[in-house]
Amino acid sequence: MTTANITSRTSLGKKKKATRPTRSERRRNLTGWVFIIPAALLICVMSFWPMVQAFLLSLQTGRGARLKYADPLWMNYERLFHDEIFLMTLKTTFIYLIIQVPIMLGTALLLSVLLNDPNLRFKAFWRTAIFLPCAVSLVSYSLVFRTLFANDGFINDLLTGLHLIDSPVNWLGQTSTARMVIILGLLWRWTGYNMVFYLAGLQNIDMATLEAAKIDGANAWQTFWHVTVPQLKPMIVLTAIMSINGTLQLFDESWNLTRGGPAYTSMSMSHYLYELSFLKSPNFGYASALSYVILVLVAVLAFIQMKVGDKRDA
């Protein structure tokens, strides 16, 4: 054995000894695990185990507590594709998503840019006024909107007084207007919430990039679209994912504003899930299958948003 080989083996042994954790380091690691394990167990017991139980439940059929595994096991999922009410609620939910989310995020972005102007007076007042609706409880604001758009509500009185309509409009009793009222409620409630995220993102934009764009001759729109928006893209992706997920799980507005009417045409998927689970003849297996369909839709759309929208690593 040469001297070089002996030297190399000796140095490797020293490195192994150097990388071996000491007793105090092992104690610190053990202390960390002692704190983490109880929380991890609680998460597994309170979150992941119910998800597993819900999936097993989605493979069963029956009414109330009288359940048995379906034959075939995927029968509940197959049944969804033939359920006219579910297909209608799926269509209605996507109508809310396609119309409401772009308008809400676009309006929130515009408001954030306007309220970020350093020369704007009463800036704190305007920010607070626009953000306040999201501090109102979901049930409270839904009931207020239900009262406003009732047959004898303020909106009909106002339009009649302005001679824009001859007789009261049944806003909540017609499919198109009932959906419109829900969309208006969502815009009123959540636009200010998303505006705060964009305001936070605008505070972190490097002002030197905006000044460089002005020096290069870019106008206000070009500066906004080519400089501001790309730097806000991570925040836009975040708010888009949250808004899409929230719309797919929409319940309060559908339940409190229209009760899903008329004839299920304004009902959301989560509202239908609630009815299957707790109203009429409870069908927990079929409702669990519907809940997993909602989960898959949320996961797929969130994945697409992250892949398409976030180009930070490109």
Foldseek 3Di string as FASTA:
>chain_A
DDPVVVVVVVVVVVVVVVPDDDPVVVVVVVVVCVVVVVVVVCCCVVPVVVLVVLVQLLQWWDFDPPIDGDVVSCVLVVVLVVDPLNVLQVVLLVVLLVPQLVVLLVLLLVVLVVLLPPPDPPSVVVLCVQQVLLVDDLLVLLLVLLQQLDQPHVVQVVCVVVVVDVHGDHQLADLVSVSVSLSVSCSSNCSSVLSVLSNVLVVPFDVVLLVVCVVVPDDPVCCCPVPVCVSCLVSSLVSSLVSSLCSLLDDSNCCNRRNCDDVNNNHHLNSVLCCCCPNDGNISNSSSSSVVVSVVVSVVVNVVSCVPRDPPVD
